[in-house]
C-alpha atoms as a PDB file:
ATOM      1  CA  MET A   1       7.121  -6.314 -18.066  1.00  0.00           C
ATOM      2  CA  LEU A   2       4.351  -6.124 -20.602  1.00  0.00           C
ATOM      3  CA  GLY A   3       4.562  -2.362 -20.904  1.00  0.00           C
ATOM      4  CA  PRO A   4       2.240   0.095 -22.612  1.00  0.00           C
ATOM      5  CA  GLN A   5       2.133  -1.971 -25.816  1.00  0.00           C
ATOM      6  CA  ALA A   6      -0.205  -4.324 -23.924  1.00  0.00           C
ATOM      7  CA  SER A   7      -2.693  -1.577 -23.065  1.00  0.00           C
ATOM      8  CA  SER A   8      -5.287  -3.089 -25.421  1.00  0.00           C
ATOM      9  CA  ALA A   9      -5.479  -6.048 -23.000  1.00  0.00           C
ATOM     10  CA  ILE A  10      -6.480  -3.861 -20.029  1.00  0.00           C
ATOM     11  CA  PRO A  11     -10.272  -4.350 -20.376  1.00  0.00           C
ATOM     12  CA  GLU A  12      -9.997  -8.144 -20.548  1.00  0.00           C
ATOM     13  CA  LEU A  13      -7.432  -8.276 -17.740  1.00  0.00           C
ATOM     14  CA  LEU A  14      -9.715  -6.101 -15.607  1.00  0.00           C
ATOM     15  CA  ARG A  15     -12.635  -8.432 -16.297  1.00  0.00           C
ATOM     16  CA  MET A  16     -10.522 -11.430 -15.299  1.00  0.00           C
ATOM     17  CA  ALA A  17      -9.241  -9.649 -12.185  1.00  0.00           C
ATOM     18  CA  THR A  18     -12.707  -8.683 -10.944  1.00  0.00           C
ATOM     19  CA  ASP A  19     -15.048 -11.401 -12.250  1.00  0.00           C
ATOM     20  CA  SER A  20     -12.990 -14.560 -11.904  1.00  0.00           C
ATOM     21  CA  LYS A  21     -14.018 -17.222  -9.409  1.00  0.00           C
ATOM     22  CA  SER A  22     -10.447 -18.468  -9.368  1.00  0.00           C
ATOM     23  CA  ARG A  23      -8.031 -16.677  -7.047  1.00  0.00           C
ATOM     24  CA  TYR A  24      -5.152 -17.848  -9.261  1.00  0.00           C
ATOM     25  CA  VAL A  25      -6.682 -16.335 -12.419  1.00  0.00           C
ATOM     26  CA  ALA A  26      -7.552 -13.099 -10.587  1.00  0.00           C
ATOM     27  CA  TRP A  27      -4.015 -12.885  -9.163  1.00  0.00           C
ATOM     28  CA  GLN A  28      -2.367 -13.457 -12.541  1.00  0.00           C
ATOM     29  CA  ALA A  29      -4.647 -10.946 -14.284  1.00  0.00           C
ATOM     30  CA  THR A  30      -4.019  -8.327 -11.588  1.00  0.00           C
ATOM     31  CA  GLU A  31      -0.281  -8.916 -11.771  1.00  0.00           C
ATOM     32  CA  ALA A  32      -0.436  -8.534 -15.562  1.00  0.00           C
ATOM     33  CA  LEU A  33      -2.292  -5.237 -15.147  1.00  0.00           C
ATOM     34  CA  GLY A  34       0.558  -4.022 -12.968  1.00  0.00           C
ATOM     35  CA  SER A  35       3.019  -5.036 -15.667  1.00  0.00           C
ATOM     36  CA  VAL A  36       1.271  -2.848 -18.233  1.00  0.00           C
ATOM     37  CA  GLY A  37       2.318   0.223 -16.262  1.00  0.00           C
ATOM     38  CA  SER A  38       0.626   3.501 -15.452  1.00  0.00           C
ATOM     39  CA  GLU A  39      -1.911   3.125 -18.270  1.00  0.00           C
ATOM     40  CA  ALA A  40      -3.480   0.382 -16.185  1.00  0.00           C
ATOM     41  CA  LEU A  41      -3.720   2.555 -13.059  1.00  0.00           C
ATOM     42  CA  PRO A  42      -7.482   3.186 -13.358  1.00  0.00           C
ATOM     43  CA  ALA A  43      -8.060  -0.555 -13.779  1.00  0.00           C
ATOM     44  CA  LEU A  44      -5.900  -1.337 -10.730  1.00  0.00           C
ATOM     45  CA  VAL A  45      -7.887   1.195  -8.691  1.00  0.00           C
ATOM     46  CA  MET A  46     -11.059  -0.573  -9.837  1.00  0.00           C
ATOM     47  CA  VAL A  47      -9.656  -3.872  -8.573  1.00  0.00           C
ATOM     48  CA  VAL A  48      -8.807  -2.256  -5.234  1.00  0.00           C
ATOM     49  CA  THR A  49     -12.267  -0.752  -4.800  1.00  0.00           C
ATOM     50  CA  ASN A  50     -14.290  -3.706  -6.132  1.00  0.00           C
ATOM     51  CA  LYS A  51     -15.516  -5.653  -3.096  1.00  0.00           C
ATOM     52  CA  GLN A  52     -15.984  -8.781  -5.246  1.00  0.00           C
ATOM     53  CA  ALA A  53     -12.370  -8.768  -6.492  1.00  0.00           C
ATOM     54  CA  LEU A  54     -10.318 -11.611  -5.074  1.00  0.00           C
ATOM     55  CA  CYS A  55      -6.905  -9.908  -5.140  1.00  0.00           C
ATOM     56  CA  PRO A  56      -7.067  -6.241  -4.083  1.00  0.00           C
ATOM     57  CA  GLY A  57      -3.779  -6.689  -2.224  1.00  0.00           C
ATOM     58  CA  ARG A  58      -1.997  -7.645  -5.464  1.00  0.00           C
ATOM     59  CA  ALA A  59      -3.391  -4.490  -7.096  1.00  0.00           C
ATOM     60  CA  LEU A  60      -2.096  -2.396  -4.184  1.00  0.00           C
ATOM     61  CA  ILE A  61       1.344  -3.951  -4.533  1.00  0.00           C
ATOM     62  CA  SER A  62       1.347  -3.108  -8.252  1.00  0.00           C
ATOM     63  CA  ILE A  63       0.324   0.468  -7.543  1.00  0.00           C
ATOM     64  CA  GLY A  64       3.054   0.804  -4.924  1.00  0.00           C
ATOM     65  CA  ALA A  65       5.638  -0.455  -7.409  1.00  0.00           C
ATOM     66  CA  MET A  66       4.826   2.291  -9.917  1.00  0.00           C
ATOM     67  CA  SER A  67       7.479   4.956  -9.567  1.00  0.00           C
ATOM     68  CA  ASN A  68       6.079   7.337 -12.162  1.00  0.00           C
ATOM     69  CA  LEU A  69       2.618   8.116 -10.786  1.00  0.00           C
ATOM     70  CA  GLY A  70       3.158  11.867 -10.627  1.00  0.00           C
ATOM     71  CA  SER A  71      -0.156  13.701 -10.418  1.00  0.00           C
ATOM     72  CA  ASN A  72      -2.013  10.397 -10.850  1.00  0.00           C
ATOM     73  CA  ALA A  73      -1.247   9.654  -7.217  1.00  0.00           C
ATOM     74  CA  VAL A  74      -4.238  11.847  -6.376  1.00  0.00           C
ATOM     75  CA  LEU A  75      -6.443   9.222  -8.039  1.00  0.00           C
ATOM     76  CA  VAL A  76      -5.157   6.291  -6.004  1.00  0.00           C
ATOM     77  CA  VAL A  77      -4.682   7.732  -2.520  1.00  0.00           C
ATOM     78  CA  PRO A  78      -8.377   7.615  -1.517  1.00  0.00           C
ATOM     79  CA  ALA A  79      -8.615   3.988  -2.644  1.00  0.00           C
ATOM     80  CA  ILE A  80      -5.464   3.066  -0.742  1.00  0.00           C
ATOM     81  CA  LEU A  81      -6.597   4.866   2.404  1.00  0.00           C
ATOM     82  CA  SER A  82      -9.937   3.042   2.317  1.00  0.00           C
ATOM     83  CA  CYS A  83      -8.056  -0.266   2.477  1.00  0.00           C
ATOM     84  CA  LEU A  84      -6.380   0.575   5.784  1.00  0.00           C
ATOM     85  CA  ASN A  85      -9.557  -0.493   7.593  1.00  0.00           C
ATOM     86  CA  ASP A  86     -10.102  -3.701   5.638  1.00  0.00           C
ATOM     87  CA  LYS A  87     -10.852  -6.911   7.551  1.00  0.00           C
ATOM     88  CA  ASP A  88      -8.137  -8.730   5.607  1.00  0.00           C
ATOM     89  CA  ALA A  89      -4.735  -8.037   7.161  1.00  0.00           C
ATOM     90  CA  ASP A  90      -3.015  -8.759   3.842  1.00  0.00           C
ATOM     91  CA  VAL A  91      -4.997  -5.953   2.203  1.00  0.00           C
ATOM     92  CA  VAL A  92      -4.109  -3.574   5.045  1.00  0.00           C
ATOM     93  CA  ALA A  93      -0.424  -4.476   4.787  1.00  0.00           C
ATOM     94  CA  SER A  94      -0.518  -4.068   1.009  1.00  0.00           C
ATOM     95  CA  ALA A  95      -2.080  -0.617   1.448  1.00  0.00           C
ATOM     96  CA  VAL A  96       0.369   0.650   4.070  1.00  0.00           C
ATOM     97  CA  THR A  97       3.496   0.186   1.984  1.00  0.00           C
ATOM     98  CA  PRO A  98       2.546   2.239  -1.118  1.00  0.00           C
ATOM     99  CA  LEU A  99       1.740   5.227   1.069  1.00  0.00           C
ATOM    100  CA  GLY A 100       5.442   5.510   1.848  1.00  0.00           C
ATOM    101  CA  ARG A 101       6.467   5.159  -1.793  1.00  0.00           C
ATOM    102  CA  ILE A 102       4.088   7.225  -3.887  1.00  0.00           C
ATOM    103  CA  PRO A 103       3.703  11.010  -3.812  1.00  0.00           C
ATOM    104  CA  VAL A 104       1.090  11.534  -1.130  1.00  0.00           C
ATOM    105  CA  GLU A 105       0.290  14.421   1.181  1.00  0.00           C
ATOM    106  CA  PRO A 106       1.873  13.485   4.533  1.00  0.00           C
ATOM    107  CA  ALA A 107      -0.860  15.310   6.453  1.00  0.00           C
ATOM    108  CA  THR A 108      -3.289  12.752   5.045  1.00  0.00           C
ATOM    109  CA  ALA A 109      -1.147   9.622   5.045  1.00  0.00           C
ATOM    110  CA  VAL A 110       0.756   9.866   8.342  1.00  0.00           C
ATOM    111  CA  PRO A 111      -2.292   9.812  10.654  1.00  0.00           C
ATOM    112  CA  ALA A 112      -3.864   6.999   8.636  1.00  0.00           C
ATOM    113  CA  VAL A 113      -0.702   4.877   8.731  1.00  0.00           C
ATOM    114  CA  ALA A 114      -0.173   5.692  12.417  1.00  0.00           C
ATOM    115  CA  GLY A 115      -3.548   4.092  13.053  1.00  0.00           C
ATOM    116  CA  CYS A 116      -2.137   0.815  11.745  1.00  0.00           C
ATOM    117  CA  VAL A 117       0.534   0.542  14.427  1.00  0.00           C
ATOM    118  CA  HIS A 118      -2.111  -1.011  16.693  1.00  0.00           C
ATOM    119  CA  HIS A 119      -3.149  -3.680  14.207  1.00  0.00           C
ATOM    120  CA  ARG A 120      -3.514  -7.228  15.523  1.00  0.00           C
ATOM    121  CA  GLU A 121      -1.072  -8.613  12.952  1.00  0.00           C
ATOM    122  CA  THR A 122       2.645  -8.264  13.542  1.00  0.00           C
ATOM    123  CA  TYR A 123       3.540  -7.733   9.891  1.00  0.00           C
ATOM    124  CA  VAL A 124       1.052  -4.859   9.571  1.00  0.00           C
ATOM    125  CA  ARG A 125       2.557  -3.096  12.603  1.00  0.00           C
ATOM    126  CA  ARG A 126       6.062  -3.669  11.195  1.00  0.00           C
ATOM    127  CA  MET A 127       5.117  -2.251   7.777  1.00  0.00           C
ATOM    128  CA  ALA A 128       3.361   0.708   9.377  1.00  0.00           C
ATOM    129  CA  ALA A 129       6.516   1.563  11.328  1.00  0.00           C
ATOM    130  CA  ASP A 130       8.634   1.294   8.187  1.00  0.00           C
ATOM    131  CA  THR A 131       6.255   3.467   6.183  1.00  0.00           C
ATOM    132  CA  LEU A 132       6.142   6.144   8.882  1.00  0.00           C
ATOM    133  CA  GLY A 133       9.934   6.257   8.850  1.00  0.00           C
ATOM    134  CA  ARG A 134       9.828   7.110   5.139  1.00  0.00           C
ATOM    135  CA  PHE A 135       7.936  10.342   5.793  1.00  0.00           C
ATOM    136  CA  SER A 136      10.874  12.123   7.412  1.00  0.00           C
ATOM    137  CA  GLN A 137       9.916  15.240   9.396  1.00  0.00           C
ATOM    138  CA  ALA A 138       6.306  14.948   8.295  1.00  0.00           C
ATOM    139  CA  ALA A 139       5.964  11.846  10.502  1.00  0.00           C
ATOM    140  CA  ARG A 140       6.768  13.734  13.684  1.00  0.00           C
ATOM    141  CA  PRO A 141       3.114  13.646  14.844  1.00  0.00           C
ATOM    142  CA  ALA A 142       3.378   9.847  14.827  1.00  0.00           C
ATOM    143  CA  VAL A 143       6.457   9.696  17.078  1.00  0.00           C
ATOM    144  CA  PRO A 144       4.394   8.921  20.217  1.00  0.00           C
ATOM    145  CA  GLU A 145       2.846   5.949  18.400  1.00  0.00           C
ATOM    146  CA  LEU A 146       6.277   4.781  17.268  1.00  0.00           C
ATOM    147  CA  VAL A 147       7.666   5.107  20.800  1.00  0.00           C
ATOM    148  CA  ARG A 148       4.834   2.861  22.047  1.00  0.00           C
ATOM    149  CA  LEU A 149       5.829   0.292  19.427  1.00  0.00           C
ATOM    150  CA  LEU A 150       9.262   0.035  21.027  1.00  0.00           C
ATOM    151  CA  ASN A 151       7.492  -2.113  23.653  1.00  0.00           C
ATOM    152  CA  ASP A 152       5.791  -4.384  21.113  1.00  0.00           C
ATOM    153  CA  SER A 153       5.842  -8.081  21.945  1.00  0.00           C
ATOM    154  CA  ASP A 154       7.479  -8.900  18.597  1.00  0.00           C
ATOM    155  CA  TRP A 155      11.195  -8.241  18.122  1.00  0.00           C
ATOM    156  CA  SER A 156      10.819  -7.494  14.383  1.00  0.00           C
ATOM    157  CA  VAL A 157       8.312  -4.723  15.106  1.00  0.00           C
ATOM    158  CA  ARG A 158      10.644  -3.237  17.720  1.00  0.00           C
ATOM    159  CA  ASN A 159      13.554  -3.477  15.282  1.00  0.00           C
ATOM    160  CA  MET A 160      11.658  -1.789  12.432  1.00  0.00           C
ATOM    161  CA  THR A 161      10.394   0.880  14.815  1.00  0.00           C
ATOM    162  CA  THR A 162      13.942   1.603  15.964  1.00  0.00           C
ATOM    163  CA  ASN A 163      15.024   1.917  12.326  1.00  0.00           C
ATOM    164  CA  ALA A 164      12.097   4.233  11.574  1.00  0.00           C
ATOM    165  CA  LEU A 165      12.882   6.474  14.538  1.00  0.00           C
ATOM    166  CA  MET A 166      16.539   6.607  13.496  1.00  0.00           C
ATOM    167  CA  ARG A 167      15.503   7.689   9.976  1.00  0.00           C
ATOM    168  CA  LEU A 168      13.311  10.395  11.472  1.00  0.00           C
ATOM    169  CA  ARG A 169      16.152  11.566  13.681  1.00  0.00           C
ATOM    170  CA  ARG A 170      18.642  11.696  10.806  1.00  0.00           C
ATOM    171  CA  ARG A 171      16.299  13.655   8.610  1.00  0.00           C
ATOM    172  CA  CYS A 172      14.827  15.982  11.225  1.00  0.00           C
END
């Protein structure tokens, strides 16, 4: 991890993450931003919201890995929520997961994540089920959606949904 001592590199890393024509360079720069830590949070949000950026999913993964967001979570939640309707399934999947890991108002996140249980991609539906299970009692409004997922054509989605419902039951 680069850590805060690398914060002087944030502007250049942001430029590389958003202006590069190379997906590899953009990926590496975005990953490095995530390694700087919470000081790079505004830059990561800029990568997520920049429609020209090649690796918004990598930025979302970095944000989701930050365990010390605290009140800064308020800054990232709108950006994450906006990604749930992205055309790129990888971006959607990368947005679903952080919502179950960062401090976010369940009344906002649960309905948005519940909307992802109907996604065309199996891995998005599976991640949505897992994330809903992390919300404990606050995910109760999504139980009908989770119950529908028990009939999903993919066994891994059904399995994750069963696990999510069991977590809800244990915590409720």
